Amino acid sequence: MSGRFTPVETGFHGPVLLERRRFSDDRGYLTRLFDPQDLEAFGWDGPVAQVNETGTLKAGIVRGLHYQNPPHAELKLVTCTAGRILDVAVDLRAGSPTFLQHVSVELSAENGRSFLIPRGFAHGFQALTDDVRMVYVHSAAHHPEAEAGLHPEDPALAIAWPFAVHGLSPRDAAHPLIGSDFRGVSS
């Protein structure tokens, strides 16, 4: 255990599922969402460039799969603060033994877990409940010229979304399927 975060085994190298330590008393609880000193043990090595919150209204909506190309690749620490989600990270690292494979984890307000996603991974999620809220800590600012994505229903990824995918943004719906020329991203 490193301070206030404990890793939870996923069987996948790269992204780290973290259980946050919760301090409770008769008034409620406190849990730390981010601490660069504690998270350094799990691969956080960047500054905090942005902290963003999203709200997703309906179960089944998928957001993602997003990433930024180098030199603007980013670490992301993802936390669900209301509702439940299936969070997905897809390995895009060129030459990786798990290239184009994914890991999916459930995050919720109740389970007190966060997902640390390293550079070289695409990220997305599906809302499992209505009224989901997410907090993202990013190590790099958003750069529109570096943004990219994968189509969440690409058969090459074989992601088993719990619900029928709906509510894709026009940008996410327009991401092409992975072609034979896709080589991933370099670090």
N, C-alpha and C. Protein backbone atom coordinates (compact mmCIF):
# COMPACT_ATOMS: atom_id res chain seq x y z
N MET A 1 0.85 -1.19 0.00
CA MET A 1 0.00 0.00 0.00
C MET A 1 0.88 1.24 0.00
N SER A 2 0.53 2.19 -0.80
CA SER A 2 1.27 3.44 -0.86
C SER A 2 0.35 4.56 -0.38
N GLY A 3 0.48 4.94 0.89
CA GLY A 3 -0.35 6.03 1.40
C GLY A 3 -1.82 5.71 1.38
N ARG A 4 -2.56 6.42 0.57
CA ARG A 4 -4.01 6.31 0.56
C ARG A 4 -4.57 5.51 -0.61
N PHE A 5 -3.71 4.84 -1.38
CA PHE A 5 -4.15 4.08 -2.55
C PHE A 5 -3.57 2.66 -2.50
N THR A 6 -4.41 1.68 -2.81
CA THR A 6 -3.98 0.28 -2.86
C THR A 6 -4.31 -0.25 -4.26
N PRO A 7 -3.32 -0.88 -4.93
CA PRO A 7 -3.61 -1.42 -6.27
C PRO A 7 -4.49 -2.67 -6.16
N VAL A 8 -5.37 -2.82 -7.16
CA VAL A 8 -6.24 -3.99 -7.27
C VAL A 8 -5.83 -4.72 -8.54
N GLU A 9 -5.54 -5.99 -8.44
CA GLU A 9 -5.05 -6.76 -9.58
C GLU A 9 -6.08 -6.84 -10.70
N THR A 10 -5.65 -6.53 -11.93
CA THR A 10 -6.52 -6.65 -13.10
C THR A 10 -6.01 -7.70 -14.07
N GLY A 11 -4.75 -8.14 -13.91
CA GLY A 11 -4.18 -9.09 -14.85
C GLY A 11 -3.72 -8.45 -16.14
N PHE A 12 -3.62 -7.12 -16.15
CA PHE A 12 -3.24 -6.39 -17.37
C PHE A 12 -2.13 -5.42 -17.01
N HIS A 13 -1.06 -5.40 -17.79
CA HIS A 13 0.08 -4.52 -17.52
C HIS A 13 -0.15 -3.13 -18.11
N GLY A 14 0.03 -2.12 -17.30
CA GLY A 14 -0.10 -0.73 -17.76
C GLY A 14 -1.06 0.04 -16.89
N PRO A 15 -2.36 0.01 -17.19
CA PRO A 15 -3.33 0.71 -16.35
C PRO A 15 -3.38 0.10 -14.95
N VAL A 16 -3.63 0.94 -13.96
CA VAL A 16 -3.67 0.48 -12.57
C VAL A 16 -5.00 0.86 -11.95
N LEU A 17 -5.72 -0.16 -11.49
CA LEU A 17 -6.95 0.06 -10.74
C LEU A 17 -6.55 0.30 -9.29
N LEU A 18 -7.03 1.39 -8.72
CA LEU A 18 -6.64 1.79 -7.37
C LEU A 18 -7.86 1.87 -6.46
N GLU A 19 -7.73 1.30 -5.30
CA GLU A 19 -8.76 1.44 -4.27
C GLU A 19 -8.33 2.60 -3.37
N ARG A 20 -9.24 3.55 -3.21
CA ARG A 20 -8.93 4.70 -2.37
C ARG A 20 -9.29 4.41 -0.92
N ARG A 21 -8.41 4.76 -0.01
CA ARG A 21 -8.67 4.60 1.41
C ARG A 21 -9.72 5.62 1.83
N ARG A 22 -10.71 5.16 2.55
CA ARG A 22 -11.80 6.04 2.99
C ARG A 22 -11.75 6.16 4.51
N PHE A 23 -11.75 7.40 4.98
CA PHE A 23 -11.79 7.68 6.41
C PHE A 23 -13.20 8.08 6.77
N SER A 24 -13.84 7.27 7.63
CA SER A 24 -15.26 7.49 7.95
C SER A 24 -15.46 7.71 9.44
N ASP A 25 -16.48 8.47 9.74
CA ASP A 25 -16.98 8.59 11.10
C ASP A 25 -18.48 8.84 11.03
N ASP A 26 -19.09 9.20 12.14
CA ASP A 26 -20.54 9.34 12.16
C ASP A 26 -21.05 10.53 11.34
N ARG A 27 -20.15 11.38 10.86
CA ARG A 27 -20.54 12.52 10.02
C ARG A 27 -20.52 12.20 8.54
N GLY A 28 -19.77 11.15 8.18
CA GLY A 28 -19.60 10.83 6.77
C GLY A 28 -18.20 10.29 6.51
N TYR A 29 -17.57 10.74 5.41
CA TYR A 29 -16.26 10.21 5.06
C TYR A 29 -15.43 11.25 4.32
N LEU A 30 -14.14 10.95 4.22
CA LEU A 30 -13.20 11.70 3.39
C LEU A 30 -12.37 10.68 2.62
N THR A 31 -12.19 10.92 1.35
CA THR A 31 -11.29 10.10 0.54
C THR A 31 -10.50 11.03 -0.37
N ARG A 32 -9.23 10.77 -0.51
CA ARG A 32 -8.39 11.58 -1.37
C ARG A 32 -8.52 11.07 -2.80
N LEU A 33 -8.82 11.99 -3.73
CA LEU A 33 -8.94 11.62 -5.13
C LEU A 33 -7.60 11.64 -5.85
N PHE A 34 -6.69 12.50 -5.42
CA PHE A 34 -5.42 12.63 -6.13
C PHE A 34 -4.34 13.06 -5.15
N ASP A 35 -3.18 12.42 -5.25
CA ASP A 35 -2.00 12.81 -4.48
C ASP A 35 -0.78 12.38 -5.29
N PRO A 36 -0.06 13.32 -5.90
CA PRO A 36 1.03 12.93 -6.79
C PRO A 36 2.12 12.11 -6.09
N GLN A 37 2.36 12.37 -4.80
CA GLN A 37 3.39 11.60 -4.10
C GLN A 37 2.97 10.15 -3.93
N ASP A 38 1.74 9.90 -3.55
CA ASP A 38 1.26 8.53 -3.42
C ASP A 38 1.14 7.85 -4.78
N LEU A 39 0.67 8.57 -5.78
CA LEU A 39 0.42 7.98 -7.10
C LEU A 39 1.70 7.73 -7.90
N GLU A 40 2.80 8.36 -7.51
CA GLU A 40 4.08 8.14 -8.17
C GLU A 40 4.46 6.66 -8.16
N ALA A 41 4.12 5.95 -7.08
CA ALA A 41 4.43 4.52 -6.96
C ALA A 41 3.71 3.69 -8.01
N PHE A 42 2.64 4.24 -8.61
CA PHE A 42 1.84 3.51 -9.58
C PHE A 42 2.02 4.03 -11.00
N GLY A 43 2.96 4.97 -11.20
CA GLY A 43 3.27 5.44 -12.53
C GLY A 43 2.94 6.88 -12.84
N TRP A 44 2.34 7.61 -11.89
CA TRP A 44 2.06 9.03 -12.16
C TRP A 44 3.39 9.77 -12.13
N ASP A 45 3.77 10.36 -13.26
CA ASP A 45 5.05 11.07 -13.33
C ASP A 45 4.92 12.43 -14.01
N GLY A 46 3.71 12.93 -14.08
CA GLY A 46 3.51 14.20 -14.77
C GLY A 46 2.97 15.27 -13.85
N PRO A 47 2.86 16.46 -14.39
CA PRO A 47 2.19 17.52 -13.65
C PRO A 47 0.67 17.30 -13.72
N VAL A 48 -0.07 18.14 -13.06
CA VAL A 48 -1.52 18.18 -13.24
C VAL A 48 -1.78 19.36 -14.15
N ALA A 49 -2.20 19.07 -15.38
CA ALA A 49 -2.45 20.12 -16.35
C ALA A 49 -3.92 20.53 -16.38
N GLN A 50 -4.81 19.57 -16.11
CA GLN A 50 -6.25 19.84 -16.11
C GLN A 50 -6.95 18.88 -15.17
N VAL A 51 -8.04 19.36 -14.58
CA VAL A 51 -8.97 18.50 -13.86
C VAL A 51 -10.34 18.80 -14.45
N ASN A 52 -11.00 17.75 -14.98
CA ASN A 52 -12.27 17.92 -15.66
C ASN A 52 -13.34 17.05 -15.01
N GLU A 53 -14.57 17.48 -15.12
CA GLU A 53 -15.71 16.71 -14.65
C GLU A 53 -16.67 16.52 -15.82
N THR A 54 -17.23 15.31 -15.94
CA THR A 54 -18.28 15.07 -16.92
C THR A 54 -19.51 14.56 -16.20
N GLY A 55 -20.65 14.82 -16.80
CA GLY A 55 -21.91 14.26 -16.34
C GLY A 55 -22.54 13.52 -17.51
N THR A 56 -23.01 12.31 -17.27
CA THR A 56 -23.65 11.51 -18.31
C THR A 56 -25.05 11.17 -17.81
N LEU A 57 -26.05 11.52 -18.58
CA LEU A 57 -27.43 11.47 -18.11
C LEU A 57 -28.07 10.09 -18.09
N LYS A 58 -27.77 9.25 -19.07
CA LYS A 58 -28.51 7.99 -19.22
C LYS A 58 -27.60 6.76 -19.28
N ALA A 59 -28.05 5.67 -18.67
CA ALA A 59 -27.34 4.40 -18.75
C ALA A 59 -27.22 3.97 -20.21
N GLY A 60 -26.09 3.37 -20.55
CA GLY A 60 -25.85 2.88 -21.90
C GLY A 60 -25.03 3.81 -22.76
N ILE A 61 -25.02 5.10 -22.42
CA ILE A 61 -24.23 6.06 -23.20
C ILE A 61 -22.75 5.71 -23.09
N VAL A 62 -22.07 5.75 -24.22
CA VAL A 62 -20.62 5.52 -24.27
C VAL A 62 -19.93 6.81 -24.64
N ARG A 63 -18.87 7.12 -23.92
CA ARG A 63 -17.98 8.24 -24.24
C ARG A 63 -16.61 7.66 -24.51
N GLY A 64 -16.02 8.06 -25.64
CA GLY A 64 -14.69 7.58 -25.97
C GLY A 64 -14.76 6.63 -27.15
N LEU A 65 -13.68 6.13 -27.48
CA LEU A 65 -12.40 5.86 -26.87
C LEU A 65 -11.40 6.94 -27.34
N HIS A 66 -10.89 7.74 -26.43
CA HIS A 66 -10.08 8.91 -26.77
C HIS A 66 -8.63 8.74 -26.34
N TYR A 67 -7.75 9.41 -27.08
CA TYR A 67 -6.34 9.53 -26.68
C TYR A 67 -5.75 10.73 -27.39
N GLN A 68 -4.59 11.15 -26.91
CA GLN A 68 -3.84 12.22 -27.55
C GLN A 68 -2.52 11.64 -28.05
N ASN A 69 -2.16 11.99 -29.27
CA ASN A 69 -0.90 11.53 -29.84
C ASN A 69 0.27 12.29 -29.22
N PRO A 70 1.45 11.61 -29.17
CA PRO A 70 2.65 12.30 -28.72
C PRO A 70 2.92 13.50 -29.62
N PRO A 71 3.49 14.56 -29.14
CA PRO A 71 4.09 14.71 -27.81
C PRO A 71 3.10 15.15 -26.73
N HIS A 72 1.82 15.07 -26.99
CA HIS A 72 0.81 15.51 -26.03
C HIS A 72 0.11 14.34 -25.34
N ALA A 73 0.70 13.16 -25.43
CA ALA A 73 0.12 11.99 -24.75
C ALA A 73 0.01 12.31 -23.26
N GLU A 74 -1.01 11.72 -22.63
CA GLU A 74 -1.30 12.08 -21.25
C GLU A 74 -1.57 10.87 -20.38
N LEU A 75 -1.25 11.04 -19.12
CA LEU A 75 -1.73 10.14 -18.08
C LEU A 75 -3.11 10.64 -17.68
N LYS A 76 -4.00 9.71 -17.29
CA LYS A 76 -5.32 10.10 -16.80
C LYS A 76 -5.60 9.32 -15.53
N LEU A 77 -6.09 10.01 -14.52
CA LEU A 77 -6.63 9.34 -13.34
C LEU A 77 -8.13 9.59 -13.39
N VAL A 78 -8.91 8.51 -13.50
CA VAL A 78 -10.35 8.58 -13.71
C VAL A 78 -11.06 8.11 -12.44
N THR A 79 -12.03 8.89 -11.98
CA THR A 79 -12.78 8.57 -10.78
C THR A 79 -14.26 8.82 -11.03
N CYS A 80 -15.10 7.87 -10.63
CA CYS A 80 -16.55 8.02 -10.74
C CYS A 80 -17.06 8.50 -9.38
N THR A 81 -17.69 9.68 -9.35
CA THR A 81 -18.15 10.25 -8.08
C THR A 81 -19.65 10.13 -7.88
N ALA A 82 -20.38 9.68 -8.91
CA ALA A 82 -21.82 9.43 -8.79
C ALA A 82 -22.20 8.39 -9.84
N GLY A 83 -22.99 7.41 -9.45
CA GLY A 83 -23.40 6.36 -10.37
C GLY A 83 -22.34 5.29 -10.52
N ARG A 84 -22.44 4.52 -11.64
CA ARG A 84 -21.52 3.42 -11.94
C ARG A 84 -21.18 3.43 -13.42
N ILE A 85 -19.95 3.04 -13.73
CA ILE A 85 -19.51 2.94 -15.13
C ILE A 85 -18.69 1.69 -15.35
N LEU A 86 -18.62 1.27 -16.61
CA LEU A 86 -17.61 0.32 -17.06
C LEU A 86 -16.55 1.17 -17.74
N ASP A 87 -15.36 1.20 -17.18
CA ASP A 87 -14.26 2.01 -17.70
C ASP A 87 -13.34 1.10 -18.50
N VAL A 88 -12.90 1.57 -19.68
CA VAL A 88 -12.13 0.74 -20.60
C VAL A 88 -10.87 1.48 -21.03
N ALA A 89 -9.74 0.75 -21.02
CA ALA A 89 -8.47 1.27 -21.53
C ALA A 89 -7.96 0.29 -22.59
N VAL A 90 -7.62 0.81 -23.77
CA VAL A 90 -7.15 0.00 -24.90
C VAL A 90 -5.67 0.31 -25.14
N ASP A 91 -4.85 -0.72 -25.17
CA ASP A 91 -3.40 -0.57 -25.37
C ASP A 91 -3.11 -0.22 -26.83
N LEU A 92 -2.54 0.95 -27.03
CA LEU A 92 -2.16 1.41 -28.38
C LEU A 92 -0.65 1.52 -28.54
N ARG A 93 0.10 1.03 -27.56
CA ARG A 93 1.56 1.17 -27.58
C ARG A 93 2.15 0.26 -28.66
N ALA A 94 2.80 0.88 -29.64
CA ALA A 94 3.44 0.14 -30.72
C ALA A 94 4.43 -0.86 -30.13
N GLY A 95 4.34 -2.11 -30.55
CA GLY A 95 5.26 -3.14 -30.08
C GLY A 95 4.88 -3.78 -28.76
N SER A 96 3.82 -3.34 -28.13
CA SER A 96 3.41 -3.91 -26.85
C SER A 96 2.86 -5.33 -27.05
N PRO A 97 3.13 -6.25 -26.13
CA PRO A 97 2.56 -7.60 -26.25
C PRO A 97 1.03 -7.61 -26.10
N THR A 98 0.46 -6.54 -25.57
CA THR A 98 -1.00 -6.46 -25.43
C THR A 98 -1.60 -5.41 -26.37
N PHE A 99 -0.90 -5.13 -27.47
CA PHE A 99 -1.36 -4.16 -28.46
C PHE A 99 -2.79 -4.47 -28.91
N LEU A 100 -3.65 -3.47 -28.86
CA LEU A 100 -5.07 -3.51 -29.22
C LEU A 100 -5.93 -4.40 -28.30
N GLN A 101 -5.35 -4.84 -27.20
CA GLN A 101 -6.15 -5.52 -26.18
C GLN A 101 -6.64 -4.46 -25.19
N HIS A 102 -7.67 -4.81 -24.43
CA HIS A 102 -8.22 -3.84 -23.49
C HIS A 102 -8.44 -4.46 -22.12
N VAL A 103 -8.54 -3.59 -21.16
CA VAL A 103 -8.92 -3.97 -19.80
C VAL A 103 -10.13 -3.11 -19.44
N SER A 104 -11.11 -3.74 -18.80
CA SER A 104 -12.29 -3.00 -18.37
C SER A 104 -12.50 -3.24 -16.88
N VAL A 105 -12.90 -2.18 -16.18
CA VAL A 105 -13.12 -2.23 -14.74
C VAL A 105 -14.38 -1.45 -14.41
N GLU A 106 -15.02 -1.82 -13.32
CA GLU A 106 -16.17 -1.05 -12.88
C GLU A 106 -15.71 -0.02 -11.85
N LEU A 107 -16.12 1.22 -12.09
CA LEU A 107 -15.90 2.29 -11.13
C LEU A 107 -17.25 2.79 -10.67
N SER A 108 -17.34 3.13 -9.40
CA SER A 108 -18.59 3.67 -8.88
C SER A 108 -18.29 4.56 -7.68
N ALA A 109 -19.27 5.34 -7.32
CA ALA A 109 -19.15 6.15 -6.12
C ALA A 109 -19.00 5.24 -4.90
N GLU A 110 -19.65 4.10 -4.92
CA GLU A 110 -19.64 3.19 -3.78
C GLU A 110 -18.34 2.39 -3.63
N ASN A 111 -17.75 1.94 -4.76
CA ASN A 111 -16.59 1.06 -4.60
C ASN A 111 -15.29 1.80 -4.32
N GLY A 112 -15.27 3.12 -4.42
CA GLY A 112 -14.10 3.88 -4.01
C GLY A 112 -12.85 3.58 -4.81
N ARG A 113 -13.02 3.32 -6.10
CA ARG A 113 -11.86 3.00 -6.94
C ARG A 113 -11.63 4.09 -7.98
N SER A 114 -10.37 4.23 -8.36
CA SER A 114 -9.97 5.11 -9.45
C SER A 114 -9.12 4.29 -10.41
N PHE A 115 -9.02 4.76 -11.64
CA PHE A 115 -8.29 4.03 -12.68
C PHE A 115 -7.22 4.95 -13.23
N LEU A 116 -5.96 4.53 -13.09
CA LEU A 116 -4.82 5.29 -13.60
C LEU A 116 -4.44 4.71 -14.96
N ILE A 117 -4.59 5.54 -15.99
CA ILE A 117 -4.39 5.09 -17.37
C ILE A 117 -3.13 5.77 -17.91
N PRO A 118 -2.12 4.97 -18.28
CA PRO A 118 -0.86 5.55 -18.75
C PRO A 118 -0.94 6.09 -20.17
N ARG A 119 0.10 6.78 -20.56
CA ARG A 119 0.23 7.24 -21.93
C ARG A 119 0.21 6.02 -22.86
N GLY A 120 -0.32 6.21 -24.06
CA GLY A 120 -0.32 5.12 -25.02
C GLY A 120 -1.57 4.25 -24.94
N PHE A 121 -2.58 4.69 -24.21
CA PHE A 121 -3.84 3.96 -24.10
C PHE A 121 -4.98 4.87 -24.51
N ALA A 122 -5.95 4.30 -25.22
CA ALA A 122 -7.21 5.00 -25.47
C ALA A 122 -8.12 4.72 -24.28
N HIS A 123 -9.00 5.68 -23.98
CA HIS A 123 -9.88 5.54 -22.82
C HIS A 123 -11.32 5.86 -23.20
N GLY A 124 -12.24 5.10 -22.64
CA GLY A 124 -13.65 5.37 -22.78
C GLY A 124 -14.43 4.69 -21.68
N PHE A 125 -15.71 4.98 -21.61
CA PHE A 125 -16.54 4.32 -20.60
C PHE A 125 -17.98 4.25 -21.07
N GLN A 126 -18.73 3.33 -20.43
CA GLN A 126 -20.16 3.24 -20.62
C GLN A 126 -20.83 3.45 -19.27
N ALA A 127 -21.84 4.34 -19.25
CA ALA A 127 -22.62 4.56 -18.04
C ALA A 127 -23.47 3.33 -17.76
N LEU A 128 -23.39 2.81 -16.55
CA LEU A 128 -24.18 1.65 -16.14
C LEU A 128 -25.44 2.08 -15.38
N THR A 129 -25.48 3.35 -15.02
CA THR A 129 -26.65 3.92 -14.34
C THR A 129 -26.93 5.29 -14.96
N ASP A 130 -28.08 5.82 -14.69
CA ASP A 130 -28.37 7.21 -15.05
C ASP A 130 -27.57 8.12 -14.12
N ASP A 131 -27.39 9.35 -14.56
CA ASP A 131 -26.78 10.41 -13.74
C ASP A 131 -25.39 10.05 -13.20
N VAL A 132 -24.48 9.77 -14.12
CA VAL A 132 -23.09 9.46 -13.77
C VAL A 132 -22.28 10.75 -13.76
N ARG A 133 -21.40 10.86 -12.79
CA ARG A 133 -20.43 11.97 -12.75
C ARG A 133 -19.03 11.39 -12.64
N MET A 134 -18.14 11.98 -13.47
CA MET A 134 -16.75 11.53 -13.52
C MET A 134 -15.82 12.71 -13.31
N VAL A 135 -14.70 12.45 -12.62
CA VAL A 135 -13.63 13.43 -12.46
C VAL A 135 -12.38 12.84 -13.09
N TYR A 136 -11.74 13.64 -13.95
CA TYR A 136 -10.51 13.25 -14.64
C TYR A 136 -9.39 14.19 -14.24
N VAL A 137 -8.25 13.62 -13.88
CA VAL A 137 -7.03 14.39 -13.68
C VAL A 137 -6.12 14.06 -14.86
N HIS A 138 -5.68 15.09 -15.60
CA HIS A 138 -4.87 14.91 -16.81
C HIS A 138 -3.47 15.48 -16.58
N SER A 139 -2.47 14.78 -17.11
CA SER A 139 -1.09 15.27 -17.00
C SER A 139 -0.71 16.21 -18.13
N ALA A 140 -1.54 16.31 -19.15
CA ALA A 140 -1.27 17.21 -20.28
C ALA A 140 -2.57 17.94 -20.63
N ALA A 141 -2.42 19.16 -21.07
CA ALA A 141 -3.58 19.93 -21.51
C ALA A 141 -4.15 19.33 -22.79
N HIS A 142 -5.40 19.60 -23.04
CA HIS A 142 -6.03 19.14 -24.28
C HIS A 142 -5.46 19.91 -25.47
N HIS A 143 -5.06 19.18 -26.49
CA HIS A 143 -4.53 19.76 -27.73
C HIS A 143 -5.35 19.20 -28.88
N PRO A 144 -6.29 19.99 -29.43
CA PRO A 144 -7.16 19.48 -30.49
C PRO A 144 -6.40 18.86 -31.67
N GLU A 145 -5.24 19.41 -32.00
CA GLU A 145 -4.48 18.87 -33.13
C GLU A 145 -3.88 17.49 -32.83
N ALA A 146 -3.82 17.10 -31.56
CA ALA A 146 -3.25 15.80 -31.18
C ALA A 146 -4.31 14.77 -30.82
N GLU A 147 -5.59 15.19 -30.75
CA GLU A 147 -6.62 14.25 -30.32
C GLU A 147 -6.91 13.22 -31.39
N ALA A 148 -7.24 12.03 -30.92
CA ALA A 148 -7.58 10.92 -31.81
C ALA A 148 -8.51 9.98 -31.04
N GLY A 149 -9.03 9.00 -31.74
CA GLY A 149 -9.92 8.07 -31.07
C GLY A 149 -10.16 6.81 -31.88
N LEU A 150 -10.74 5.85 -31.21
CA LEU A 150 -11.13 4.58 -31.82
C LEU A 150 -12.65 4.48 -31.73
N HIS A 151 -13.24 3.79 -32.68
CA HIS A 151 -14.69 3.59 -32.62
C HIS A 151 -14.98 2.55 -31.53
N PRO A 152 -15.86 2.87 -30.59
CA PRO A 152 -16.10 1.96 -29.47
C PRO A 152 -16.73 0.62 -29.86
N GLU A 153 -17.29 0.53 -31.06
CA GLU A 153 -17.88 -0.73 -31.50
C GLU A 153 -17.02 -1.44 -32.55
N ASP A 154 -15.75 -1.07 -32.63
CA ASP A 154 -14.84 -1.70 -33.60
C ASP A 154 -14.71 -3.19 -33.27
N PRO A 155 -15.03 -4.07 -34.22
CA PRO A 155 -14.92 -5.51 -33.95
C PRO A 155 -13.51 -5.95 -33.61
N ALA A 156 -12.50 -5.22 -34.09
CA ALA A 156 -11.11 -5.58 -33.79
C ALA A 156 -10.81 -5.46 -32.29
N LEU A 157 -11.58 -4.65 -31.58
CA LEU A 157 -11.36 -4.45 -30.15
C LEU A 157 -12.16 -5.44 -29.30
N ALA A 158 -13.27 -5.92 -29.81
CA ALA A 158 -14.11 -6.92 -29.13
C ALA A 158 -14.45 -6.51 -27.70
N ILE A 159 -14.84 -5.26 -27.52
CA ILE A 159 -15.25 -4.81 -26.19
C ILE A 159 -16.68 -5.25 -25.94
N ALA A 160 -16.89 -5.93 -24.84
CA ALA A 160 -18.22 -6.43 -24.47
C ALA A 160 -18.92 -5.36 -23.62
N TRP A 161 -19.51 -4.38 -24.27
CA TRP A 161 -20.25 -3.34 -23.55
C TRP A 161 -21.49 -3.99 -22.93
N PRO A 162 -21.79 -3.71 -21.66
CA PRO A 162 -22.93 -4.35 -21.00
C PRO A 162 -24.29 -4.01 -21.62
N PHE A 163 -24.42 -2.80 -22.16
CA PHE A 163 -25.67 -2.36 -22.79
C PHE A 163 -25.40 -2.08 -24.26
N ALA A 164 -26.46 -2.04 -25.05
CA ALA A 164 -26.31 -1.59 -26.43
C ALA A 164 -25.72 -0.18 -26.41
N VAL A 165 -24.75 0.05 -27.25
CA VAL A 165 -24.08 1.36 -27.30
C VAL A 165 -25.04 2.38 -27.90
N HIS A 166 -25.20 3.50 -27.24
CA HIS A 166 -25.97 4.61 -27.80
C HIS A 166 -25.44 5.91 -27.24
N GLY A 167 -25.92 7.00 -27.80
CA GLY A 167 -25.52 8.32 -27.32
C GLY A 167 -24.11 8.74 -27.69
N LEU A 168 -23.54 8.12 -28.73
CA LEU A 168 -22.19 8.53 -29.15
C LEU A 168 -22.23 9.97 -29.66
N SER A 169 -21.20 10.72 -29.34
CA SER A 169 -21.09 12.06 -29.91
C SER A 169 -20.82 11.91 -31.40
N PRO A 170 -21.10 12.95 -32.19
CA PRO A 170 -20.77 12.87 -33.62
C PRO A 170 -19.30 12.55 -33.86
N ARG A 171 -18.42 13.12 -33.04
CA ARG A 171 -16.99 12.85 -33.18
C ARG A 171 -16.68 11.38 -32.93
N ASP A 172 -17.23 10.80 -31.84
CA ASP A 172 -16.95 9.40 -31.52
C ASP A 172 -17.55 8.46 -32.56
N ALA A 173 -18.73 8.77 -33.05
CA ALA A 173 -19.38 7.94 -34.07
C ALA A 173 -18.61 7.96 -35.38
N ALA A 174 -17.86 9.02 -35.64
CA ALA A 174 -17.13 9.16 -36.90
C ALA A 174 -15.75 8.51 -36.89
N HIS A 175 -15.29 8.05 -35.74
CA HIS A 175 -13.97 7.41 -35.72
C HIS A 175 -14.00 6.17 -36.61
N PRO A 176 -13.02 6.03 -37.50
CA PRO A 176 -13.02 4.88 -38.41
C PRO A 176 -12.65 3.60 -37.67
N LEU A 177 -12.97 2.48 -38.29
CA LEU A 177 -12.54 1.20 -37.76
C LEU A 177 -11.03 1.07 -37.96
N ILE A 178 -10.41 0.26 -37.14
CA ILE A 178 -8.96 0.07 -37.22
C ILE A 178 -8.65 -0.68 -38.51
N GLY A 179 -7.74 -0.12 -39.30
CA GLY A 179 -7.32 -0.75 -40.54
C GLY A 179 -6.02 -1.50 -40.35
N SER A 180 -5.65 -2.28 -41.35
CA SER A 180 -4.42 -3.07 -41.28
C SER A 180 -3.17 -2.19 -41.22
N ASP A 181 -3.33 -0.90 -41.57
CA ASP A 181 -2.19 0.01 -41.54
C ASP A 181 -2.01 0.69 -40.18
N PHE A 182 -2.89 0.43 -39.21
CA PHE A 182 -2.79 1.08 -37.89
C PHE A 182 -1.62 0.47 -37.13
N ARG A 183 -0.66 1.31 -36.76
CA ARG A 183 0.56 0.86 -36.11
C ARG A 183 0.63 1.25 -34.64
N GLY A 184 -0.39 1.93 -34.15
CA GLY A 184 -0.37 2.34 -32.74
C GLY A 184 0.33 3.66 -32.56
N VAL A 185 0.71 3.91 -31.32
CA VAL A 185 1.39 5.16 -30.98
C VAL A 185 2.75 4.82 -30.37
N SER A 186 3.70 5.69 -30.60
CA SER A 186 5.02 5.50 -29.98
C SER A 186 5.08 6.33 -28.71
N SER A 187 5.94 5.92 -27.83
CA SER A 187 6.01 6.62 -26.54
C SER A 187 6.99 7.75 -26.53
